[in-house]
Amino acid sequence: MKKLKFLALPVLTLLLFASCSSVRVAADYDRETDFQMYNSYAFYKTGIDRAQISDLDKKRILKAIEADMAAKGYVKSKTPDLLISIFTTEKERVDVYNNAGWGWGAWGWGAWGWGPGWGPGWGWGPGWGWGGNTVSTRTEGSLYIDIIDASKKELIWQGNGVGTLGSYKDVAKKEARIREFVSEIMQQYPPGTLAKN
């Protein structure tokens, strides 16, 4: 059995930011590949098994990829032209906001003294305040989709999406978020062409 080898792809990265989406997308591909010659695909089980996510999420991702590939005219096959693999990463993002500044609300006492109209006093006025720092954390995840030429065992296209992951208690919302990630990434495949007819 041939070992899977990844070729060094030409550095042609397309960063595409979707205005209405919270998923940032990038794609890279082998410019010498004729993407129109591919008609069928299968999932690369070895690569998918290594993805560090739950089996349920893997199924959701693969189902979304299947729907997208079918819409583009590709068929799933036991003797495929393409192999598709996925992997994921995630990291905690920490944002710190400094809340120091000028504002109203300083409390003070007036001067003590004697004479007409003088006496102890108090009031509100402008002053410096320190609100401390506000810290927020969020989990940012990346989904990578690799498309491999099945006969050459070479990577020909890679897309990835980066976005904030929520802790979804609602399964329907979680599935919708996964579909959004996949859809945004797969809009870039195949590169430079429209979907197959």
C-alpha atoms as a PDB file:
ATOM      1  CA  MET A   1       0.000   0.000   0.000  1.00  0.00           C
ATOM      2  CA  LYS A   2       1.332   3.427  -0.940  1.00  0.00           C
ATOM      3  CA  LYS A   3       2.104   5.827   1.853  1.00  0.00           C
ATOM      4  CA  LEU A   4       0.252   9.093   1.759  1.00  0.00           C
ATOM      5  CA  LYS A   5       2.663  11.875   0.867  1.00  0.00           C
ATOM      6  CA  PHE A   6       1.842  15.533   0.956  1.00  0.00           C
ATOM      7  CA  LEU A   7       3.403  17.720  -1.677  1.00  0.00           C
ATOM      8  CA  ALA A   8       4.570  21.196  -0.886  1.00  0.00           C
ATOM      9  CA  LEU A   9       1.801  23.377  -2.213  1.00  0.00           C
ATOM     10  CA  PRO A  10       2.648  26.653  -3.917  1.00  0.00           C
ATOM     11  CA  VAL A  11       2.134  29.513  -1.566  1.00  0.00           C
ATOM     12  CA  LEU A  12      -1.156  30.835  -2.837  1.00  0.00           C
ATOM     13  CA  THR A  13      -3.372  31.473   0.112  1.00  0.00           C
ATOM     14  CA  LEU A  14      -6.694  33.112  -0.404  1.00  0.00           C
ATOM     15  CA  LEU A  15      -8.060  34.789   2.694  1.00  0.00           C
ATOM     16  CA  LEU A  16     -11.727  35.385   2.262  1.00  0.00           C
ATOM     17  CA  PHE A  17     -13.660  37.087   4.996  1.00  0.00           C
ATOM     18  CA  ALA A  18     -17.394  36.637   4.827  1.00  0.00           C
ATOM     19  CA  SER A  19     -19.238  39.815   5.719  1.00  0.00           C
ATOM     20  CA  CYS A  20     -22.254  38.076   7.187  1.00  0.00           C
ATOM     21  CA  SER A  21     -20.427  35.140   8.720  1.00  0.00           C
ATOM     22  CA  SER A  22     -18.336  34.755  11.811  1.00  0.00           C
ATOM     23  CA  VAL A  23     -16.156  32.113  10.128  1.00  0.00           C
ATOM     24  CA  ARG A  24     -12.860  33.321   8.643  1.00  0.00           C
ATOM     25  CA  VAL A  25     -11.913  31.175   5.653  1.00  0.00           C
ATOM     26  CA  ALA A  26      -8.657  30.451   3.826  1.00  0.00           C
ATOM     27  CA  ALA A  27      -7.883  28.007   1.021  1.00  0.00           C
ATOM     28  CA  ASP A  28      -4.671  26.773  -0.548  1.00  0.00           C
ATOM     29  CA  TYR A  29      -4.246  24.468  -3.548  1.00  0.00           C
ATOM     30  CA  ASP A  30      -1.867  22.995  -6.107  1.00  0.00           C
ATOM     31  CA  ARG A  31      -2.069  25.326  -9.113  1.00  0.00           C
ATOM     32  CA  GLU A  32      -0.916  22.554 -11.473  1.00  0.00           C
ATOM     33  CA  THR A  33      -3.940  20.376 -10.719  1.00  0.00           C
ATOM     34  CA  ASP A  34      -6.852  20.155 -13.152  1.00  0.00           C
ATOM     35  CA  PHE A  35      -9.759  19.993 -10.721  1.00  0.00           C
ATOM     36  CA  GLN A  36     -12.261  19.322 -13.524  1.00  0.00           C
ATOM     37  CA  MET A  37     -10.934  15.766 -14.002  1.00  0.00           C
ATOM     38  CA  TYR A  38     -12.286  14.591 -10.622  1.00  0.00           C
ATOM     39  CA  ASN A  39     -15.784  13.123 -10.345  1.00  0.00           C
ATOM     40  CA  SER A  40     -15.893  10.943  -7.224  1.00  0.00           C
ATOM     41  CA  TYR A  41     -14.693  10.939  -3.632  1.00  0.00           C
ATOM     42  CA  ALA A  42     -14.489   8.909  -0.438  1.00  0.00           C
ATOM     43  CA  PHE A  43     -13.546   9.826   3.102  1.00  0.00           C
ATOM     44  CA  TYR A  44      -9.980   9.094   4.226  1.00  0.00           C
ATOM     45  CA  LYS A  45     -10.755   7.103   7.362  1.00  0.00           C
ATOM     46  CA  THR A  46      -7.193   7.054   8.722  1.00  0.00           C
ATOM     47  CA  GLY A  47      -7.005  10.836   8.755  1.00  0.00           C
ATOM     48  CA  ILE A  48     -10.525  11.330  10.072  1.00  0.00           C
ATOM     49  CA  ASP A  49      -9.953   8.879  12.932  1.00  0.00           C
ATOM     50  CA  ARG A  50      -7.111  11.110  14.159  1.00  0.00           C
ATOM     51  CA  ALA A  51      -9.332  14.208  14.417  1.00  0.00           C
ATOM     52  CA  GLN A  52      -9.597  15.149  18.095  1.00  0.00           C
ATOM     53  CA  ILE A  53     -13.354  15.672  18.281  1.00  0.00           C
ATOM     54  CA  SER A  54     -16.279  13.546  19.296  1.00  0.00           C
ATOM     55  CA  ASP A  55     -17.582  10.891  16.928  1.00  0.00           C
ATOM     56  CA  LEU A  56     -20.915  12.722  16.844  1.00  0.00           C
ATOM     57  CA  ASP A  57     -19.258  15.928  15.643  1.00  0.00           C
ATOM     58  CA  LYS A  58     -17.234  13.960  13.063  1.00  0.00           C
ATOM     59  CA  LYS A  59     -20.489  12.531  11.694  1.00  0.00           C
ATOM     60  CA  ARG A  60     -22.001  16.017  11.535  1.00  0.00           C
ATOM     61  CA  ILE A  61     -18.989  17.382   9.649  1.00  0.00           C
ATOM     62  CA  LEU A  62     -18.888  14.465   7.194  1.00  0.00           C
ATOM     63  CA  LYS A  63     -22.632  14.708   6.566  1.00  0.00           C
ATOM     64  CA  ALA A  64     -22.241  18.426   5.767  1.00  0.00           C
ATOM     65  CA  ILE A  65     -19.328  17.680   3.412  1.00  0.00           C
ATOM     66  CA  GLU A  66     -21.368  14.942   1.672  1.00  0.00           C
ATOM     67  CA  ALA A  67     -24.245  17.367   1.084  1.00  0.00           C
ATOM     68  CA  ASP A  68     -21.879  19.982  -0.315  1.00  0.00           C
ATOM     69  CA  MET A  69     -20.060  17.547  -2.607  1.00  0.00           C
ATOM     70  CA  ALA A  70     -23.371  16.176  -3.918  1.00  0.00           C
ATOM     71  CA  ALA A  71     -24.554  19.713  -4.655  1.00  0.00           C
ATOM     72  CA  LYS A  72     -21.349  20.248  -6.664  1.00  0.00           C
ATOM     73  CA  GLY A  73     -21.970  17.081  -8.730  1.00  0.00           C
ATOM     74  CA  TYR A  74     -19.520  14.684  -7.071  1.00  0.00           C
ATOM     75  CA  VAL A  75     -20.500  11.094  -6.206  1.00  0.00           C
ATOM     76  CA  LYS A  76     -19.334   9.022  -3.266  1.00  0.00           C
ATOM     77  CA  SER A  77     -17.474   5.921  -4.494  1.00  0.00           C
ATOM     78  CA  LYS A  78     -15.520   2.868  -3.321  1.00  0.00           C
ATOM     79  CA  THR A  79     -12.998   3.619  -6.097  1.00  0.00           C
ATOM     80  CA  PRO A  80     -12.741   7.407  -5.727  1.00  0.00           C
ATOM     81  CA  ASP A  81     -10.782  10.040  -7.605  1.00  0.00           C
ATOM     82  CA  LEU A  82     -10.458  12.053  -4.385  1.00  0.00           C
ATOM     83  CA  LEU A  83     -10.001  11.323  -0.691  1.00  0.00           C
ATOM     84  CA  ILE A  84     -11.301  13.788   1.876  1.00  0.00           C
ATOM     85  CA  SER A  85      -9.874  14.120   5.352  1.00  0.00           C
ATOM     86  CA  ILE A  86     -10.501  16.521   8.231  1.00  0.00           C
ATOM     87  CA  PHE A  87      -8.745  17.714  11.348  1.00  0.00           C
ATOM     88  CA  THR A  88      -9.512  20.297  13.978  1.00  0.00           C
ATOM     89  CA  THR A  89      -7.700  22.532  16.436  1.00  0.00           C
ATOM     90  CA  GLU A  90      -8.952  24.808  19.151  1.00  0.00           C
ATOM     91  CA  LYS A  91      -7.469  27.407  21.474  1.00  0.00           C
ATOM     92  CA  GLU A  92      -8.626  29.713  24.208  1.00  0.00           C
ATOM     93  CA  ARG A  93      -8.569  33.412  23.329  1.00  0.00           C
ATOM     94  CA  VAL A  94      -8.263  35.870  26.223  1.00  0.00           C
ATOM     95  CA  ASP A  95      -9.299  39.501  25.709  1.00  0.00           C
ATOM     96  CA  VAL A  96      -8.353  42.111  28.355  1.00  0.00           C
ATOM     97  CA  TYR A  97     -10.019  45.526  28.378  1.00  0.00           C
ATOM     98  CA  ASN A  98      -8.612  48.398  30.503  1.00  0.00           C
ATOM     99  CA  ASN A  99     -11.425  50.314  32.219  1.00  0.00           C
ATOM    100  CA  ALA A 100      -9.456  53.270  33.679  1.00  0.00           C
ATOM    101  CA  GLY A 101     -10.637  56.752  32.789  1.00  0.00           C
ATOM    102  CA  TRP A 102     -12.145  60.095  33.699  1.00  0.00           C
ATOM    103  CA  GLY A 103     -15.695  60.312  34.864  1.00  0.00           C
ATOM    104  CA  TRP A 104     -18.245  61.747  37.281  1.00  0.00           C
ATOM    105  CA  GLY A 105     -18.996  60.291  40.633  1.00  0.00           C
ATOM    106  CA  ALA A 106     -16.074  61.177  42.937  1.00  0.00           C
ATOM    107  CA  TRP A 107     -17.347  61.723  46.452  1.00  0.00           C
ATOM    108  CA  GLY A 108     -15.659  64.382  48.580  1.00  0.00           C
ATOM    109  CA  TRP A 109     -15.989  66.576  51.681  1.00  0.00           C
ATOM    110  CA  GLY A 110     -15.854  70.345  51.641  1.00  0.00           C
ATOM    111  CA  ALA A 111     -13.446  72.395  53.732  1.00  0.00           C
ATOM    112  CA  TRP A 112     -14.099  73.039  57.412  1.00  0.00           C
ATOM    113  CA  GLY A 113     -14.168  76.636  58.482  1.00  0.00           C
ATOM    114  CA  TRP A 114     -16.022  79.361  60.377  1.00  0.00           C
ATOM    115  CA  GLY A 115     -17.645  82.489  59.213  1.00  0.00           C
ATOM    116  CA  PRO A 116     -20.788  83.457  57.372  1.00  0.00           C
ATOM    117  CA  GLY A 117     -21.941  80.620  55.137  1.00  0.00           C
ATOM    118  CA  TRP A 118     -19.082  78.340  55.962  1.00  0.00           C
ATOM    119  CA  GLY A 119     -19.370  74.878  57.427  1.00  0.00           C
ATOM    120  CA  PRO A 120     -18.712  71.253  56.688  1.00  0.00           C
ATOM    121  CA  GLY A 121     -19.976  70.146  53.295  1.00  0.00           C
ATOM    122  CA  TRP A 122     -19.990  67.341  50.778  1.00  0.00           C
ATOM    123  CA  GLY A 123     -20.925  66.785  47.147  1.00  0.00           C
ATOM    124  CA  TRP A 124     -20.450  65.011  43.843  1.00  0.00           C
ATOM    125  CA  GLY A 125     -17.899  66.082  41.267  1.00  0.00           C
ATOM    126  CA  PRO A 126     -15.592  64.986  38.540  1.00  0.00           C
ATOM    127  CA  GLY A 127     -12.711  62.703  39.405  1.00  0.00           C
ATOM    128  CA  TRP A 128     -10.505  59.909  38.241  1.00  0.00           C
ATOM    129  CA  GLY A 129     -11.769  56.396  38.632  1.00  0.00           C
ATOM    130  CA  TRP A 130     -10.299  52.971  38.177  1.00  0.00           C
ATOM    131  CA  GLY A 131     -12.657  50.278  37.080  1.00  0.00           C
ATOM    132  CA  GLY A 132      -9.946  47.633  36.795  1.00  0.00           C
ATOM    133  CA  ASN A 133      -9.642  45.316  33.840  1.00  0.00           C
ATOM    134  CA  THR A 134     -12.368  43.279  32.220  1.00  0.00           C
ATOM    135  CA  VAL A 135     -11.234  39.874  31.021  1.00  0.00           C
ATOM    136  CA  SER A 136     -13.231  37.653  28.696  1.00  0.00           C
ATOM    137  CA  THR A 137     -12.333  34.278  27.267  1.00  0.00           C
ATOM    138  CA  ARG A 138     -13.670  32.448  24.254  1.00  0.00           C
ATOM    139  CA  THR A 139     -12.817  29.234  22.468  1.00  0.00           C
ATOM    140  CA  GLU A 140     -11.732  29.659  18.872  1.00  0.00           C
ATOM    141  CA  GLY A 141     -11.760  26.550  16.723  1.00  0.00           C
ATOM    142  CA  SER A 142     -10.346  25.677  13.320  1.00  0.00           C
ATOM    143  CA  LEU A 143     -11.723  23.074  10.935  1.00  0.00           C
ATOM    144  CA  TYR A 144      -9.415  21.904   8.144  1.00  0.00           C
ATOM    145  CA  ILE A 145     -10.700  19.989   5.130  1.00  0.00           C
ATOM    146  CA  ASP A 146      -8.032  18.244   3.047  1.00  0.00           C
ATOM    147  CA  ILE A 147      -8.699  16.960  -0.453  1.00  0.00           C
ATOM    148  CA  ILE A 148      -6.201  14.382  -1.726  1.00  0.00           C
ATOM    149  CA  ASP A 149      -5.653  12.936  -5.203  1.00  0.00           C
ATOM    150  CA  ALA A 150      -6.476   9.264  -4.551  1.00  0.00           C
ATOM    151  CA  SER A 151      -4.145   7.801  -7.188  1.00  0.00           C
ATOM    152  CA  LYS A 152      -1.110   9.986  -6.409  1.00  0.00           C
ATOM    153  CA  LYS A 153      -1.796  10.159  -2.663  1.00  0.00           C
ATOM    154  CA  GLU A 154      -0.969  13.862  -2.767  1.00  0.00           C
ATOM    155  CA  LEU A 155      -2.712  16.787  -1.111  1.00  0.00           C
ATOM    156  CA  ILE A 156      -4.180  19.014  -3.840  1.00  0.00           C
ATOM    157  CA  TRP A 157      -6.462  21.356  -1.860  1.00  0.00           C
ATOM    158  CA  GLN A 158      -6.851  22.466   1.732  1.00  0.00           C
ATOM    159  CA  GLY A 159      -9.470  24.753   3.168  1.00  0.00           C
ATOM    160  CA  ASN A 160      -9.849  25.909   6.703  1.00  0.00           C
ATOM    161  CA  GLY A 161     -12.354  27.895   8.687  1.00  0.00           C
ATOM    162  CA  VAL A 162     -11.661  29.669  11.968  1.00  0.00           C
ATOM    163  CA  GLY A 163     -14.385  30.926  14.257  1.00  0.00           C
ATOM    164  CA  THR A 164     -15.652  31.123  17.788  1.00  0.00           C
ATOM    165  CA  LEU A 165     -17.137  27.948  19.135  1.00  0.00           C
ATOM    166  CA  GLY A 166     -19.960  28.171  21.603  1.00  0.00           C
ATOM    167  CA  SER A 167     -20.921  25.565  24.141  1.00  0.00           C
ATOM    168  CA  TYR A 168     -24.191  24.697  22.501  1.00  0.00           C
ATOM    169  CA  LYS A 169     -26.781  23.020  24.674  1.00  0.00           C
ATOM    170  CA  ASP A 170     -29.183  23.007  21.744  1.00  0.00           C
ATOM    171  CA  VAL A 171     -28.111  20.239  19.336  1.00  0.00           C
ATOM    172  CA  ALA A 172     -29.876  21.916  16.401  1.00  0.00           C
ATOM    173  CA  LYS A 173     -27.805  25.094  16.940  1.00  0.00           C
ATOM    174  CA  LYS A 174     -24.615  23.044  17.160  1.00  0.00           C
ATOM    175  CA  GLU A 175     -25.440  21.246  13.896  1.00  0.00           C
ATOM    176  CA  ALA A 176     -26.220  24.581  12.216  1.00  0.00           C
ATOM    177  CA  ARG A 177     -22.844  25.988  13.358  1.00  0.00           C
ATOM    178  CA  ILE A 178     -21.012  22.947  11.959  1.00  0.00           C
ATOM    179  CA  ARG A 179     -22.869  23.264   8.637  1.00  0.00           C
ATOM    180  CA  GLU A 180     -21.910  26.953   8.537  1.00  0.00           C
ATOM    181  CA  PHE A 181     -18.211  26.109   9.034  1.00  0.00           C
ATOM    182  CA  VAL A 182     -18.279  23.441   6.303  1.00  0.00           C
ATOM    183  CA  SER A 183     -20.294  25.545   3.873  1.00  0.00           C
ATOM    184  CA  GLU A 184     -18.011  28.563   4.213  1.00  0.00           C
ATOM    185  CA  ILE A 185     -14.915  26.421   3.634  1.00  0.00           C
ATOM    186  CA  MET A 186     -16.335  24.388   0.742  1.00  0.00           C
ATOM    187  CA  GLN A 187     -17.434  27.504  -1.137  1.00  0.00           C
ATOM    188  CA  GLN A 188     -13.764  27.733  -2.134  1.00  0.00           C
ATOM    189  CA  TYR A 189     -13.706  24.252  -3.738  1.00  0.00           C
ATOM    190  CA  PRO A 190     -12.975  23.651  -6.551  1.00  0.00           C
ATOM    191  CA  PRO A 191     -10.722  26.694  -6.923  1.00  0.00           C
ATOM    192  CA  GLY A 192     -11.336  29.070  -9.789  1.00  0.00           C
ATOM    193  CA  THR A 193     -14.303  27.166 -11.194  1.00  0.00           C
ATOM    194  CA  LEU A 194     -17.989  26.719 -10.669  1.00  0.00           C
ATOM    195  CA  ALA A 195     -19.521  23.520  -9.333  1.00  0.00           C
ATOM    196  CA  LYS A 196     -19.575  20.534 -11.689  1.00  0.00           C
ATOM    197  CA  ASN A 197     -22.667  20.153 -13.884  1.00  0.00           C
END
